[in-house]
Amino acid sequence: MFMTKNVLKNLMTKYATRLYPFHKREPFKNVKGELKIDMDKCILCGVCKLRCPSQCIKVDKQAKTWEVDPFSCVYCGICVEACPVKCLYQEGQYRAPLAEMDMVLHIQEAKPVEPAPAT
């Protein structure tokens, strides 16, 4: 009987939480969201991999790939600050929920070599 007052009060008031997939909250200002990379600028130096505290970044110079495990990343932004060419950035949105775990793999395309002008 001691909880009757609380039960009735909770039945008559609004929800205390959001119905997540239907009502999303706007992200806060300056939020550090999903980690992205501009592969056209990336020189595959590996500084981001060395500075990452959660060891979630893998850089392979021979295969020209850059891979991040978004489930290990703590979104601290240290790799973004450490990048010498500023090709890493964090979006203002978080990743959408997924049913299964996946890795984010970026492959650097071979840049076309422009022929030297004949003189």
C-alpha atoms as a PDB file:
ATOM      1  CA  MET A   1       0.000   0.000   0.000  1.00  0.00           C
ATOM      2  CA  PHE A   2       2.925   2.372   0.503  1.00  0.00           C
ATOM      3  CA  MET A   3       3.608   2.523  -3.281  1.00  0.00           C
ATOM      4  CA  THR A   4       0.034   3.221  -4.362  1.00  0.00           C
ATOM      5  CA  LYS A   5       0.588   6.979  -4.350  1.00  0.00           C
ATOM      6  CA  ASN A   6       3.704   6.655  -6.589  1.00  0.00           C
ATOM      7  CA  VAL A   7       2.004   4.251  -9.002  1.00  0.00           C
ATOM      8  CA  LEU A   8      -1.005   6.512  -9.465  1.00  0.00           C
ATOM      9  CA  LYS A   9       1.200   9.571  -9.899  1.00  0.00           C
ATOM     10  CA  ASN A  10       3.298   7.815 -12.586  1.00  0.00           C
ATOM     11  CA  LEU A  11       0.193   6.686 -14.459  1.00  0.00           C
ATOM     12  CA  MET A  12      -1.123  10.253 -14.661  1.00  0.00           C
ATOM     13  CA  THR A  13       2.071  12.045 -15.780  1.00  0.00           C
ATOM     14  CA  LYS A  14       4.067  12.190 -19.021  1.00  0.00           C
ATOM     15  CA  TYR A  15       6.760   9.694 -19.958  1.00  0.00           C
ATOM     16  CA  ALA A  16      10.060  10.140 -18.133  1.00  0.00           C
ATOM     17  CA  THR A  17      12.022   8.966 -21.187  1.00  0.00           C
ATOM     18  CA  ARG A  18      11.822   9.364 -24.967  1.00  0.00           C
ATOM     19  CA  LEU A  19      10.487   6.678 -27.281  1.00  0.00           C
ATOM     20  CA  TYR A  20      13.916   6.515 -28.951  1.00  0.00           C
ATOM     21  CA  PRO A  21      13.567   5.553 -32.571  1.00  0.00           C
ATOM     22  CA  PHE A  22      10.532   7.791 -32.959  1.00  0.00           C
ATOM     23  CA  HIS A  23      11.621  10.802 -30.893  1.00  0.00           C
ATOM     24  CA  LYS A  24      15.320  11.597 -31.288  1.00  0.00           C
ATOM     25  CA  ARG A  25      17.022  14.282 -29.258  1.00  0.00           C
ATOM     26  CA  GLU A  26      19.032  16.904 -31.113  1.00  0.00           C
ATOM     27  CA  PRO A  27      22.773  16.511 -30.443  1.00  0.00           C
ATOM     28  CA  PHE A  28      24.461  18.992 -28.154  1.00  0.00           C
ATOM     29  CA  LYS A  29      26.569  21.819 -29.531  1.00  0.00           C
ATOM     30  CA  ASN A  30      30.185  20.783 -30.346  1.00  0.00           C
ATOM     31  CA  VAL A  31      29.383  17.085 -29.947  1.00  0.00           C
ATOM     32  CA  LYS A  32      32.121  14.675 -31.023  1.00  0.00           C
ATOM     33  CA  GLY A  33      30.182  12.282 -33.213  1.00  0.00           C
ATOM     34  CA  GLU A  34      31.043   9.686 -35.824  1.00  0.00           C
ATOM     35  CA  LEU A  35      34.684   9.558 -36.990  1.00  0.00           C
ATOM     36  CA  LYS A  36      35.158  10.243 -40.715  1.00  0.00           C
ATOM     37  CA  ILE A  37      38.148  10.521 -43.041  1.00  0.00           C
ATOM     38  CA  ASP A  38      38.837  12.259 -46.336  1.00  0.00           C
ATOM     39  CA  MET A  39      40.923   9.629 -48.139  1.00  0.00           C
ATOM     40  CA  ASP A  40      41.942  12.071 -50.889  1.00  0.00           C
ATOM     41  CA  LYS A  41      43.941  14.075 -48.317  1.00  0.00           C
ATOM     42  CA  CYS A  42      45.218  11.124 -46.262  1.00  0.00           C
ATOM     43  CA  ILE A  43      48.925  10.292 -46.613  1.00  0.00           C
ATOM     44  CA  LEU A  44      48.613   7.040 -44.583  1.00  0.00           C
ATOM     45  CA  CYS A  45      51.276   8.172 -42.123  1.00  0.00           C
ATOM     46  CA  GLY A  46      49.779   6.212 -39.198  1.00  0.00           C
ATOM     47  CA  VAL A  47      50.002   9.006 -36.609  1.00  0.00           C
ATOM     48  CA  CYS A  48      46.288   8.613 -35.838  1.00  0.00           C
ATOM     49  CA  LYS A  49      46.847   4.903 -35.192  1.00  0.00           C
ATOM     50  CA  LEU A  50      49.721   5.601 -32.804  1.00  0.00           C
ATOM     51  CA  ARG A  51      47.857   8.288 -30.849  1.00  0.00           C
ATOM     52  CA  CYS A  52      44.528   6.428 -30.550  1.00  0.00           C
ATOM     53  CA  PRO A  53      44.029   5.441 -26.877  1.00  0.00           C
ATOM     54  CA  SER A  54      41.573   2.634 -27.707  1.00  0.00           C
ATOM     55  CA  GLN A  55      43.696   1.167 -30.545  1.00  0.00           C
ATOM     56  CA  CYS A  56      40.686   1.080 -32.896  1.00  0.00           C
ATOM     57  CA  ILE A  57      42.426   2.448 -36.033  1.00  0.00           C
ATOM     58  CA  LYS A  58      44.396   0.275 -38.453  1.00  0.00           C
ATOM     59  CA  VAL A  59      46.469   1.783 -41.261  1.00  0.00           C
ATOM     60  CA  ASP A  60      48.032  -0.372 -43.993  1.00  0.00           C
ATOM     61  CA  LYS A  61      50.388   1.545 -46.302  1.00  0.00           C
ATOM     62  CA  GLN A  62      50.935  -1.334 -48.730  1.00  0.00           C
ATOM     63  CA  ALA A  63      47.215  -2.017 -49.279  1.00  0.00           C
ATOM     64  CA  LYS A  64      46.444   1.725 -48.943  1.00  0.00           C
ATOM     65  CA  THR A  65      43.633   1.113 -46.473  1.00  0.00           C
ATOM     66  CA  TRP A  66      42.425   2.904 -43.358  1.00  0.00           C
ATOM     67  CA  GLU A  67      40.106   0.998 -41.028  1.00  0.00           C
ATOM     68  CA  VAL A  68      38.311   1.948 -37.830  1.00  0.00           C
ATOM     69  CA  ASP A  69      36.336  -0.206 -35.412  1.00  0.00           C
ATOM     70  CA  PRO A  70      33.471   2.093 -34.369  1.00  0.00           C
ATOM     71  CA  PHE A  71      32.528  -0.198 -31.474  1.00  0.00           C
ATOM     72  CA  SER A  72      35.973   0.201 -29.878  1.00  0.00           C
ATOM     73  CA  CYS A  73      36.291   3.930 -30.570  1.00  0.00           C
ATOM     74  CA  VAL A  74      35.635   6.188 -27.578  1.00  0.00           C
ATOM     75  CA  TYR A  75      35.224   9.287 -29.812  1.00  0.00           C
ATOM     76  CA  CYS A  76      37.730  11.328 -27.831  1.00  0.00           C
ATOM     77  CA  GLY A  77      39.094  13.241 -30.833  1.00  0.00           C
ATOM     78  CA  ILE A  78      42.805  12.697 -30.103  1.00  0.00           C
ATOM     79  CA  CYS A  79      43.364  11.173 -33.554  1.00  0.00           C
ATOM     80  CA  VAL A  80      41.660  14.173 -35.188  1.00  0.00           C
ATOM     81  CA  GLU A  81      43.964  16.587 -33.355  1.00  0.00           C
ATOM     82  CA  ALA A  82      47.073  14.506 -34.128  1.00  0.00           C
ATOM     83  CA  CYS A  83      46.498  14.204 -37.897  1.00  0.00           C
ATOM     84  CA  PRO A  84      49.206  16.244 -39.679  1.00  0.00           C
ATOM     85  CA  VAL A  85      47.144  16.847 -42.850  1.00  0.00           C
ATOM     86  CA  LYS A  86      43.784  17.279 -41.046  1.00  0.00           C
ATOM     87  CA  CYS A  87      41.982  14.603 -43.083  1.00  0.00           C
ATOM     88  CA  LEU A  88      40.171  13.199 -40.025  1.00  0.00           C
ATOM     89  CA  TYR A  89      37.060  14.884 -38.683  1.00  0.00           C
ATOM     90  CA  GLN A  90      34.112  14.106 -36.460  1.00  0.00           C
ATOM     91  CA  GLU A  91      30.551  14.689 -37.604  1.00  0.00           C
ATOM     92  CA  GLY A  92      27.984  16.291 -35.342  1.00  0.00           C
ATOM     93  CA  GLN A  93      25.812  13.144 -35.438  1.00  0.00           C
ATOM     94  CA  TYR A  94      26.249   9.744 -33.835  1.00  0.00           C
ATOM     95  CA  ARG A  95      26.158   6.482 -35.770  1.00  0.00           C
ATOM     96  CA  ALA A  96      22.780   4.917 -36.330  1.00  0.00           C
ATOM     97  CA  PRO A  97      22.120   1.741 -34.327  1.00  0.00           C
ATOM     98  CA  LEU A  98      22.983  -1.462 -36.167  1.00  0.00           C
ATOM     99  CA  ALA A  99      21.821  -5.041 -35.772  1.00  0.00           C
ATOM    100  CA  GLU A 100      25.311  -6.474 -36.259  1.00  0.00           C
ATOM    101  CA  MET A 101      28.858  -5.272 -35.728  1.00  0.00           C
ATOM    102  CA  ASP A 102      30.808  -4.047 -38.735  1.00  0.00           C
ATOM    103  CA  MET A 103      34.127  -2.352 -39.416  1.00  0.00           C
ATOM    104  CA  VAL A 104      34.476   0.852 -41.430  1.00  0.00           C
ATOM    105  CA  LEU A 105      37.052   0.330 -44.177  1.00  0.00           C
ATOM    106  CA  HIS A 106      38.326   3.062 -46.508  1.00  0.00           C
ATOM    107  CA  ILE A 107      40.526   2.257 -49.498  1.00  0.00           C
ATOM    108  CA  GLN A 108      42.640   4.947 -51.062  1.00  0.00           C
ATOM    109  CA  GLU A 109      42.142   5.081 -54.816  1.00  0.00           C
ATOM    110  CA  ALA A 110      45.176   5.387 -57.062  1.00  0.00           C
ATOM    111  CA  LYS A 111      45.482   8.999 -58.088  1.00  0.00           C
ATOM    112  CA  PRO A 112      45.753   9.489 -61.850  1.00  0.00           C
ATOM    113  CA  VAL A 113      49.132  10.766 -62.956  1.00  0.00           C
ATOM    114  CA  GLU A 114      48.828  13.712 -65.281  1.00  0.00           C
ATOM    115  CA  PRO A 115      51.314  13.641 -68.152  1.00  0.00           C
ATOM    116  CA  ALA A 116      53.859  16.427 -68.147  1.00  0.00           C
ATOM    117  CA  PRO A 117      53.177  19.072 -70.790  1.00  0.00           C
ATOM    118  CA  ALA A 118      55.417  18.756 -73.814  1.00  0.00           C
ATOM    119  CA  THR A 119      57.601  21.770 -74.482  1.00  0.00           C
END
